[in-house]
C-alpha cells in the first residue's frame, strides 16, 4: 500500500495543503487538496473518495473535481456518513453556490454518493474499509483500511481524546492521526475536540496498553504557524514512548 500525503495541514498556503491522503493513486481520503495537488490525468485515475466529515477543509475540492469529471462525462464515487451528504447537497453543491453534481447530468449524476454506516465494513474498489466514529465537533469517522494483500492503515481524521474504544477496533500497521496545536493549547484543543502533543502521548500510551505495540505514526492537521513548536514537543514524546512519530508534509510518501 502506497500512501501520498497531498495535504498535511489545517490551513492552506503556497507550501501547505488541507488534509488529504491518496492511496495507491486511486483512493482518496478527504478532499482538501485534491485538485490543487493532482494533475487532471491524476484526478481521473481516482476510483473513489472517502470523506470523514463535512468540515470545509475536508470537503473543499468536491465541487472542483466534480466539474472536472462532469466535463469529461465521467462518474466519481464518493463515500461518507449521511451528515456529509446532507452538507454537500444543502450547501456546497447547492445550485446557488455551484452546480449540483449529485443530480446532473440527469440519469447519470457526475458524483455518486454512497452512504456508509459506522462500524460496518465495506469493500470499496478492492479495499476493506471500516468507518469508525471518533470524537469531534461534527459527526466524524476515521477509516481503517485493509488492502488486498493484507496491509493496514488507520486514519483518525479530526479527533479529540478518549480513543480507547477506537483502539480496540483497529490494529494498523500505520497510524495517521491529527495533532493540531502545541500542548499549551490543550484546554482549547479538548474543547474543540482536537489533539496536542501532550494529549497524543496519552492516547498512544493507551494504544500500547490495549494492543501491546505502537505502529509507526504520522501526524497531520498541524497549524503551520505552530509547527516548529509541535515538532519539538513530538520529538520528546517519541523519545519517551520509544516510538516512530513523524510530522507529515505535502508530498510525503509512505509505504506499508
C-alpha atoms as a PDB file:
ATOM      1  CA  UNK A   1       0.000   0.000   0.000  1.00  0.00           C
ATOM      2  CA  UNK A   2       1.479   3.324  -1.136  1.00  0.00           C
ATOM      3  CA  UNK A   3       0.174   6.441   0.585  1.00  0.00           C
ATOM      4  CA  UNK A   4       0.865  10.012  -0.501  1.00  0.00           C
ATOM      5  CA  UNK A   5       0.033  12.923   1.760  1.00  0.00           C
ATOM      6  CA  UNK A   6      -1.338  15.584  -0.574  1.00  0.00           C
ATOM      7  CA  UNK A   7      -2.205  17.954   2.273  1.00  0.00           C
ATOM      8  CA  UNK A   8      -0.958  17.764   5.856  1.00  0.00           C
ATOM      9  CA  UNK A   9      -2.199  20.970   7.467  1.00  0.00           C
ATOM     10  CA  UNK A  10      -5.303  22.769   8.680  1.00  0.00           C
ATOM     11  CA  UNK A  11      -4.697  25.961   6.687  1.00  0.00           C
ATOM     12  CA  UNK A  12      -3.584  26.462   3.107  1.00  0.00           C
ATOM     13  CA  UNK A  13      -0.752  28.440   1.548  1.00  0.00           C
ATOM     14  CA  UNK A  14       1.668  28.063  -1.340  1.00  0.00           C
ATOM     15  CA  UNK A  15       3.521  25.498   0.745  1.00  0.00           C
ATOM     16  CA  UNK A  16       0.758  23.873   2.821  1.00  0.00           C
ATOM     17  CA  UNK A  17      -2.357  21.981   1.819  1.00  0.00           C
ATOM     18  CA  UNK A  18      -5.530  20.938   3.612  1.00  0.00           C
ATOM     19  CA  UNK A  19      -5.533  17.348   4.837  1.00  0.00           C
ATOM     20  CA  UNK A  20      -5.876  14.801   2.028  1.00  0.00           C
ATOM     21  CA  UNK A  21      -4.440  11.308   1.630  1.00  0.00           C
ATOM     22  CA  UNK A  22      -4.039   9.332  -1.591  1.00  0.00           C
ATOM     23  CA  UNK A  23      -3.745   5.528  -1.527  1.00  0.00           C
ATOM     24  CA  UNK A  24      -2.208   3.700  -4.485  1.00  0.00           C
ATOM     25  CA  UNK A  25      -3.162   6.664  -6.713  1.00  0.00           C
ATOM     26  CA  UNK A  26      -6.817   5.533  -6.823  1.00  0.00           C
ATOM     27  CA  UNK A  27      -8.386   6.011  -3.382  1.00  0.00           C
ATOM     28  CA  UNK A  28      -8.512   9.445  -1.747  1.00  0.00           C
ATOM     29  CA  UNK A  29      -9.373  10.152   1.862  1.00  0.00           C
ATOM     30  CA  UNK A  30     -10.805  13.635   2.337  1.00  0.00           C
ATOM     31  CA  UNK A  31     -10.700  16.320  -0.300  1.00  0.00           C
ATOM     32  CA  UNK A  32      -8.997  19.471   0.903  1.00  0.00           C
ATOM     33  CA  UNK A  33      -6.090  19.239  -1.538  1.00  0.00           C
ATOM     34  CA  UNK A  34      -7.190  17.107  -4.475  1.00  0.00           C
ATOM     35  CA  UNK A  35      -7.471  19.478  -7.400  1.00  0.00           C
ATOM     36  CA  UNK A  36      -4.658  21.744  -6.215  1.00  0.00           C
ATOM     37  CA  UNK A  37      -2.173  18.857  -5.833  1.00  0.00           C
ATOM     38  CA  UNK A  38      -3.129  16.476  -8.659  1.00  0.00           C
ATOM     39  CA  UNK A  39      -2.930  16.924 -12.415  1.00  0.00           C
ATOM     40  CA  UNK A  40      -6.053  16.356 -14.488  1.00  0.00           C
ATOM     41  CA  UNK A  41      -4.732  12.936 -15.507  1.00  0.00           C
ATOM     42  CA  UNK A  42      -4.069  12.033 -11.857  1.00  0.00           C
ATOM     43  CA  UNK A  43      -7.531  13.185 -10.820  1.00  0.00           C
ATOM     44  CA  UNK A  44      -9.122  10.969 -13.452  1.00  0.00           C
ATOM     45  CA  UNK A  45      -7.336   7.903 -12.039  1.00  0.00           C
ATOM     46  CA  UNK A  46      -9.371   8.174  -8.844  1.00  0.00           C
ATOM     47  CA  UNK A  47     -11.822   5.348  -8.221  1.00  0.00           C
ATOM     48  CA  UNK A  48     -13.362   6.756  -5.035  1.00  0.00           C
ATOM     49  CA  UNK A  49     -13.116   9.452  -2.382  1.00  0.00           C
ATOM     50  CA  UNK A  50     -13.780   8.687   1.284  1.00  0.00           C
ATOM     51  CA  UNK A  51     -14.953  11.673   3.317  1.00  0.00           C
ATOM     52  CA  UNK A  52     -14.553  11.645   7.100  1.00  0.00           C
ATOM     53  CA  UNK A  53     -16.850  14.574   7.923  1.00  0.00           C
ATOM     54  CA  UNK A  54     -18.357  17.735   6.495  1.00  0.00           C
ATOM     55  CA  UNK A  55     -15.966  20.436   7.713  1.00  0.00           C
ATOM     56  CA  UNK A  56     -14.845  22.657   4.851  1.00  0.00           C
ATOM     57  CA  UNK A  57     -11.159  21.725   4.946  1.00  0.00           C
ATOM     58  CA  UNK A  58     -12.082  18.071   4.356  1.00  0.00           C
ATOM     59  CA  UNK A  59     -14.594  18.501   1.505  1.00  0.00           C
ATOM     60  CA  UNK A  60     -13.470  21.706  -0.171  1.00  0.00           C
ATOM     61  CA  UNK A  61     -12.373  20.281  -3.541  1.00  0.00           C
ATOM     62  CA  UNK A  62     -15.502  18.213  -4.182  1.00  0.00           C
ATOM     63  CA  UNK A  63     -17.132  20.869  -6.426  1.00  0.00           C
ATOM     64  CA  UNK A  64     -13.908  21.409  -8.363  1.00  0.00           C
ATOM     65  CA  UNK A  65     -13.228  17.739  -9.002  1.00  0.00           C
ATOM     66  CA  UNK A  66     -16.914  17.327  -9.788  1.00  0.00           C
ATOM     67  CA  UNK A  67     -16.551  19.888 -12.572  1.00  0.00           C
ATOM     68  CA  UNK A  68     -13.513  18.110 -13.975  1.00  0.00           C
ATOM     69  CA  UNK A  69     -15.397  14.810 -14.090  1.00  0.00           C
ATOM     70  CA  UNK A  70     -18.552  16.468 -15.470  1.00  0.00           C
ATOM     71  CA  UNK A  71     -16.656  17.997 -18.387  1.00  0.00           C
ATOM     72  CA  UNK A  72     -15.231  14.585 -19.226  1.00  0.00           C
ATOM     73  CA  UNK A  73     -18.614  12.840 -18.774  1.00  0.00           C
ATOM     74  CA  UNK A  74     -17.265  10.565 -16.035  1.00  0.00           C
ATOM     75  CA  UNK A  75     -18.766   9.434 -12.726  1.00  0.00           C
ATOM     76  CA  UNK A  76     -16.925   9.592  -9.407  1.00  0.00           C
ATOM     77  CA  UNK A  77     -17.910   7.555  -6.347  1.00  0.00           C
ATOM     78  CA  UNK A  78     -17.869   9.358  -3.011  1.00  0.00           C
ATOM     79  CA  UNK A  79     -18.370   7.562   0.298  1.00  0.00           C
ATOM     80  CA  UNK A  80     -19.316   9.069   3.626  1.00  0.00           C
ATOM     81  CA  UNK A  81     -21.773   9.061   6.505  1.00  0.00           C
ATOM     82  CA  UNK A  82     -25.211  10.680   5.926  1.00  0.00           C
ATOM     83  CA  UNK A  83     -24.343  14.084   7.507  1.00  0.00           C
ATOM     84  CA  UNK A  84     -21.669  14.522   4.831  1.00  0.00           C
ATOM     85  CA  UNK A  85     -24.198  14.010   2.067  1.00  0.00           C
ATOM     86  CA  UNK A  86     -26.614  16.423   3.727  1.00  0.00           C
ATOM     87  CA  UNK A  87     -23.975  19.165   3.854  1.00  0.00           C
ATOM     88  CA  UNK A  88     -22.861  18.598   0.271  1.00  0.00           C
ATOM     89  CA  UNK A  89     -26.420  18.665  -1.017  1.00  0.00           C
ATOM     90  CA  UNK A  90     -27.663  21.581   1.093  1.00  0.00           C
ATOM     91  CA  UNK A  91     -24.643  23.840   0.885  1.00  0.00           C
ATOM     92  CA  UNK A  92     -21.565  23.014  -1.163  1.00  0.00           C
ATOM     93  CA  UNK A  93     -23.308  21.550  -4.229  1.00  0.00           C
ATOM     94  CA  UNK A  94     -26.422  23.668  -3.911  1.00  0.00           C
ATOM     95  CA  UNK A  95     -27.151  25.440  -7.193  1.00  0.00           C
ATOM     96  CA  UNK A  96     -26.982  28.845  -5.511  1.00  0.00           C
ATOM     97  CA  UNK A  97     -23.269  28.127  -4.955  1.00  0.00           C
ATOM     98  CA  UNK A  98     -22.194  25.652  -7.640  1.00  0.00           C
ATOM     99  CA  UNK A  99     -23.562  23.017  -9.994  1.00  0.00           C
ATOM    100  CA  UNK A 100     -25.265  20.138  -8.220  1.00  0.00           C
ATOM    101  CA  UNK A 101     -23.175  17.240  -9.494  1.00  0.00           C
ATOM    102  CA  UNK A 102     -25.174  14.908  -7.260  1.00  0.00           C
ATOM    103  CA  UNK A 103     -28.038  15.328  -9.755  1.00  0.00           C
ATOM    104  CA  UNK A 104     -26.502  16.275 -13.106  1.00  0.00           C
ATOM    105  CA  UNK A 105     -26.453  15.055 -15.768  1.00  0.00           C
ATOM    106  CA  UNK A 106     -29.949  13.620 -15.348  1.00  0.00           C
ATOM    107  CA  UNK A 107     -29.954   9.855 -15.114  1.00  0.00           C
ATOM    108  CA  UNK A 108     -26.203   9.569 -14.599  1.00  0.00           C
ATOM    109  CA  UNK A 109     -25.007  12.095 -11.997  1.00  0.00           C
ATOM    110  CA  UNK A 110     -21.342  13.029 -12.010  1.00  0.00           C
ATOM    111  CA  UNK A 111     -20.997  12.360  -8.281  1.00  0.00           C
ATOM    112  CA  UNK A 112     -22.478   9.131  -6.958  1.00  0.00           C
ATOM    113  CA  UNK A 113     -22.748   9.340  -3.170  1.00  0.00           C
ATOM    114  CA  UNK A 114     -22.587   6.076  -1.257  1.00  0.00           C
ATOM    115  CA  UNK A 115     -23.690   6.124   2.371  1.00  0.00           C
ATOM    116  CA  UNK A 116     -21.503   4.405   4.957  1.00  0.00           C
ATOM    117  CA  UNK A 117     -22.640   3.012   8.292  1.00  0.00           C
ATOM    118  CA  UNK A 118     -20.161   3.453  11.149  1.00  0.00           C
ATOM    119  CA  UNK A 119     -18.909   0.106  12.360  1.00  0.00           C
ATOM    120  CA  UNK A 120     -19.869  -1.756   9.183  1.00  0.00           C
ATOM    121  CA  UNK A 121     -17.091  -2.845   6.839  1.00  0.00           C
ATOM    122  CA  UNK A 122     -17.486  -2.303   3.094  1.00  0.00           C
ATOM    123  CA  UNK A 123     -15.355  -3.428   0.179  1.00  0.00           C
ATOM    124  CA  UNK A 124     -14.536  -0.404  -1.950  1.00  0.00           C
ATOM    125  CA  UNK A 125     -12.564  -0.992  -5.145  1.00  0.00           C
ATOM    126  CA  UNK A 126     -10.661  -3.875  -3.593  1.00  0.00           C
ATOM    127  CA  UNK A 127     -10.043  -2.323  -0.169  1.00  0.00           C
ATOM    128  CA  UNK A 128     -11.803  -3.314   3.034  1.00  0.00           C
ATOM    129  CA  UNK A 129     -12.946  -0.035   4.575  1.00  0.00           C
ATOM    130  CA  UNK A 130     -14.181   0.159   8.157  1.00  0.00           C
ATOM    131  CA  UNK A 131     -15.528   3.580   9.252  1.00  0.00           C
ATOM    132  CA  UNK A 132     -15.080   4.104  12.984  1.00  0.00           C
ATOM    133  CA  UNK A 133     -16.636   7.022  14.915  1.00  0.00           C
ATOM    134  CA  UNK A 134     -14.229   9.431  16.602  1.00  0.00           C
ATOM    135  CA  UNK A 135     -14.975  12.311  18.967  1.00  0.00           C
ATOM    136  CA  UNK A 136     -15.096  15.577  17.019  1.00  0.00           C
ATOM    137  CA  UNK A 137     -17.350  18.624  16.925  1.00  0.00           C
ATOM    138  CA  UNK A 138     -19.317  17.197  13.970  1.00  0.00           C
ATOM    139  CA  UNK A 139     -20.150  13.544  13.333  1.00  0.00           C
ATOM    140  CA  UNK A 140     -16.846  12.130  12.127  1.00  0.00           C
ATOM    141  CA  UNK A 141     -15.409   8.744  11.238  1.00  0.00           C
ATOM    142  CA  UNK A 142     -11.850   7.579  10.883  1.00  0.00           C
ATOM    143  CA  UNK A 143     -11.075   4.895   8.304  1.00  0.00           C
ATOM    144  CA  UNK A 144      -9.372   1.573   8.963  1.00  0.00           C
ATOM    145  CA  UNK A 145      -8.293   0.339   5.546  1.00  0.00           C
ATOM    146  CA  UNK A 146      -7.019  -3.093   4.575  1.00  0.00           C
ATOM    147  CA  UNK A 147      -5.561  -3.685   1.113  1.00  0.00           C
ATOM    148  CA  UNK A 148      -5.978  -6.864  -0.917  1.00  0.00           C
ATOM    149  CA  UNK A 149      -2.554  -8.081   0.253  1.00  0.00           C
ATOM    150  CA  UNK A 150      -3.370  -7.531   3.924  1.00  0.00           C
ATOM    151  CA  UNK A 151      -1.645  -4.200   4.560  1.00  0.00           C
ATOM    152  CA  UNK A 152      -3.469  -1.998   7.062  1.00  0.00           C
ATOM    153  CA  UNK A 153      -3.615   1.665   7.985  1.00  0.00           C
ATOM    154  CA  UNK A 154      -5.855   3.800  10.159  1.00  0.00           C
ATOM    155  CA  UNK A 155      -6.541   7.494   9.669  1.00  0.00           C
ATOM    156  CA  UNK A 156      -8.370   9.109  12.567  1.00  0.00           C
ATOM    157  CA  UNK A 157      -9.352  12.337  10.826  1.00  0.00           C
ATOM    158  CA  UNK A 158     -10.034  15.219  13.240  1.00  0.00           C
ATOM    159  CA  UNK A 159     -10.490  13.905  16.753  1.00  0.00           C
ATOM    160  CA  UNK A 160     -10.252  14.763  20.388  1.00  0.00           C
ATOM    161  CA  UNK A 161      -9.017  12.420  23.131  1.00  0.00           C
ATOM    162  CA  UNK A 162     -10.754   9.387  24.680  1.00  0.00           C
ATOM    163  CA  UNK A 163      -9.928   6.972  21.856  1.00  0.00           C
ATOM    164  CA  UNK A 164      -9.919   3.729  23.871  1.00  0.00           C
ATOM    165  CA  UNK A 165     -12.914   2.245  22.051  1.00  0.00           C
ATOM    166  CA  UNK A 166     -11.341   3.180  18.724  1.00  0.00           C
ATOM    167  CA  UNK A 167      -8.055   1.452  19.591  1.00  0.00           C
ATOM    168  CA  UNK A 168      -9.914  -1.738  20.472  1.00  0.00           C
ATOM    169  CA  UNK A 169     -11.374  -1.786  16.956  1.00  0.00           C
ATOM    170  CA  UNK A 170      -8.167  -1.429  14.911  1.00  0.00           C
ATOM    171  CA  UNK A 171      -4.716  -2.988  14.583  1.00  0.00           C
ATOM    172  CA  UNK A 172      -2.986  -0.849  11.954  1.00  0.00           C
ATOM    173  CA  UNK A 173       0.496  -1.218  10.555  1.00  0.00           C
ATOM    174  CA  UNK A 174       0.473   2.571  10.102  1.00  0.00           C
ATOM    175  CA  UNK A 175      -1.389   5.199  12.114  1.00  0.00           C
ATOM    176  CA  UNK A 176      -2.121   8.639  10.661  1.00  0.00           C
ATOM    177  CA  UNK A 177      -3.543  10.872  13.373  1.00  0.00           C
ATOM    178  CA  UNK A 178      -4.188  14.558  13.840  1.00  0.00           C
ATOM    179  CA  UNK A 179      -2.200  16.860  16.115  1.00  0.00           C
ATOM    180  CA  UNK A 180      -3.436  20.388  15.604  1.00  0.00           C
ATOM    181  CA  UNK A 181      -1.709  22.667  18.116  1.00  0.00           C
ATOM    182  CA  UNK A 182       1.063  22.799  20.742  1.00  0.00           C
ATOM    183  CA  UNK A 183       0.448  21.461  24.236  1.00  0.00           C
ATOM    184  CA  UNK A 184      -0.009  24.932  25.727  1.00  0.00           C
ATOM    185  CA  UNK A 185      -3.393  24.955  23.959  1.00  0.00           C
ATOM    186  CA  UNK A 186      -4.531  21.670  25.495  1.00  0.00           C
ATOM    187  CA  UNK A 187      -7.661  23.125  27.119  1.00  0.00           C
ATOM    188  CA  UNK A 188      -8.769  24.735  23.870  1.00  0.00           C
ATOM    189  CA  UNK A 189      -7.981  21.540  21.949  1.00  0.00           C
ATOM    190  CA  UNK A 190     -10.138  19.478  24.301  1.00  0.00           C
ATOM    191  CA  UNK A 191     -12.976  21.988  23.932  1.00  0.00           C
ATOM    192  CA  UNK A 192     -12.729  21.932  20.112  1.00  0.00           C
ATOM    193  CA  UNK A 193     -12.057  18.169  20.085  1.00  0.00           C
ATOM    194  CA  UNK A 194      -8.559  18.135  18.651  1.00  0.00           C
ATOM    195  CA  UNK A 195      -5.213  16.787  19.856  1.00  0.00           C
ATOM    196  CA  UNK A 196      -1.944  18.329  21.042  1.00  0.00           C
ATOM    197  CA  UNK A 197       1.384  16.514  21.627  1.00  0.00           C
ATOM    198  CA  UNK A 198       0.559  16.070  25.321  1.00  0.00           C
ATOM    199  CA  UNK A 199      -2.871  14.628  24.518  1.00  0.00           C
ATOM    200  CA  UNK A 200      -1.425  12.476  21.751  1.00  0.00           C
ATOM    201  CA  UNK A 201       1.123  10.984  24.134  1.00  0.00           C
ATOM    202  CA  UNK A 202      -1.652   9.809  26.449  1.00  0.00           C
ATOM    203  CA  UNK A 203      -3.600   8.328  23.539  1.00  0.00           C
ATOM    204  CA  UNK A 204      -0.568   6.476  22.162  1.00  0.00           C
ATOM    205  CA  UNK A 205       0.292   5.137  25.589  1.00  0.00           C
ATOM    206  CA  UNK A 206      -3.286   3.952  25.857  1.00  0.00           C
ATOM    207  CA  UNK A 207      -3.000   2.321  22.424  1.00  0.00           C
ATOM    208  CA  UNK A 208       0.103   0.462  23.596  1.00  0.00           C
ATOM    209  CA  UNK A 209      -1.615  -0.646  26.795  1.00  0.00           C
ATOM    210  CA  UNK A 210      -4.569  -2.025  24.841  1.00  0.00           C
ATOM    211  CA  UNK A 211      -2.829  -3.508  21.792  1.00  0.00           C
ATOM    212  CA  UNK A 212       0.665  -4.273  23.085  1.00  0.00           C
ATOM    213  CA  UNK A 213       2.516  -2.350  20.381  1.00  0.00           C
ATOM    214  CA  UNK A 214       2.768   1.074  18.760  1.00  0.00           C
ATOM    215  CA  UNK A 215       2.607   1.367  14.966  1.00  0.00           C
ATOM    216  CA  UNK A 216       4.679   3.940  13.066  1.00  0.00           C
ATOM    217  CA  UNK A 217       2.715   7.158  13.477  1.00  0.00           C
ATOM    218  CA  UNK A 218       2.416  10.151  11.146  1.00  0.00           C
ATOM    219  CA  UNK A 219       0.801  13.412  12.207  1.00  0.00           C
ATOM    220  CA  UNK A 220      -1.413  15.672  10.102  1.00  0.00           C
ATOM    221  CA  UNK A 221      -3.729  18.678  10.521  1.00  0.00           C
ATOM    222  CA  UNK A 222      -0.980  20.786  12.121  1.00  0.00           C
ATOM    223  CA  UNK A 223      -1.319  24.534  12.395  1.00  0.00           C
ATOM    224  CA  UNK A 224       1.613  25.705  10.214  1.00  0.00           C
ATOM    225  CA  UNK A 225       2.334  28.757  12.373  1.00  0.00           C
ATOM    226  CA  UNK A 226       2.901  26.476  15.388  1.00  0.00           C
ATOM    227  CA  UNK A 227       4.537  23.576  13.578  1.00  0.00           C
ATOM    228  CA  UNK A 228       8.057  24.201  14.852  1.00  0.00           C
ATOM    229  CA  UNK A 229       6.838  24.005  18.460  1.00  0.00           C
ATOM    230  CA  UNK A 230       4.781  20.899  17.693  1.00  0.00           C
ATOM    231  CA  UNK A 231       7.846  19.266  16.140  1.00  0.00           C
ATOM    232  CA  UNK A 232       9.985  19.884  19.222  1.00  0.00           C
ATOM    233  CA  UNK A 233       7.305  18.547  21.532  1.00  0.00           C
ATOM    234  CA  UNK A 234       6.696  15.478  19.391  1.00  0.00           C
ATOM    235  CA  UNK A 235      10.405  14.617  19.386  1.00  0.00           C
ATOM    236  CA  UNK A 236      10.242  14.391  23.185  1.00  0.00           C
ATOM    237  CA  UNK A 237       7.052  12.329  23.062  1.00  0.00           C
ATOM    238  CA  UNK A 238       8.650   9.894  20.601  1.00  0.00           C
ATOM    239  CA  UNK A 239      11.711   9.545  22.825  1.00  0.00           C
ATOM    240  CA  UNK A 240       9.636   8.884  25.940  1.00  0.00           C
ATOM    241  CA  UNK A 241       7.493   6.281  24.177  1.00  0.00           C
ATOM    242  CA  UNK A 242      10.328   4.759  22.154  1.00  0.00           C
ATOM    243  CA  UNK A 243       8.134   5.181  19.104  1.00  0.00           C
ATOM    244  CA  UNK A 244       8.392   6.339  15.499  1.00  0.00           C
ATOM    245  CA  UNK A 245       6.343   9.548  15.312  1.00  0.00           C
ATOM    246  CA  UNK A 246       6.804  11.919  12.383  1.00  0.00           C
ATOM    247  CA  UNK A 247       5.086  15.055  11.192  1.00  0.00           C
ATOM    248  CA  UNK A 248       3.522  14.627   7.777  1.00  0.00           C
ATOM    249  CA  UNK A 249       4.204  17.048   4.959  1.00  0.00           C
ATOM    250  CA  UNK A 250       2.905  17.730   1.472  1.00  0.00           C
ATOM    251  CA  UNK A 251       4.262  15.164  -0.953  1.00  0.00           C
ATOM    252  CA  UNK A 252       5.313  12.735   1.791  1.00  0.00           C
ATOM    253  CA  UNK A 253       5.205   9.145   0.540  1.00  0.00           C
ATOM    254  CA  UNK A 254       4.613   6.245   2.884  1.00  0.00           C
ATOM    255  CA  UNK A 255       4.728   2.556   2.086  1.00  0.00           C
ATOM    256  CA  UNK A 256       3.371  -0.373   4.073  1.00  0.00           C
END
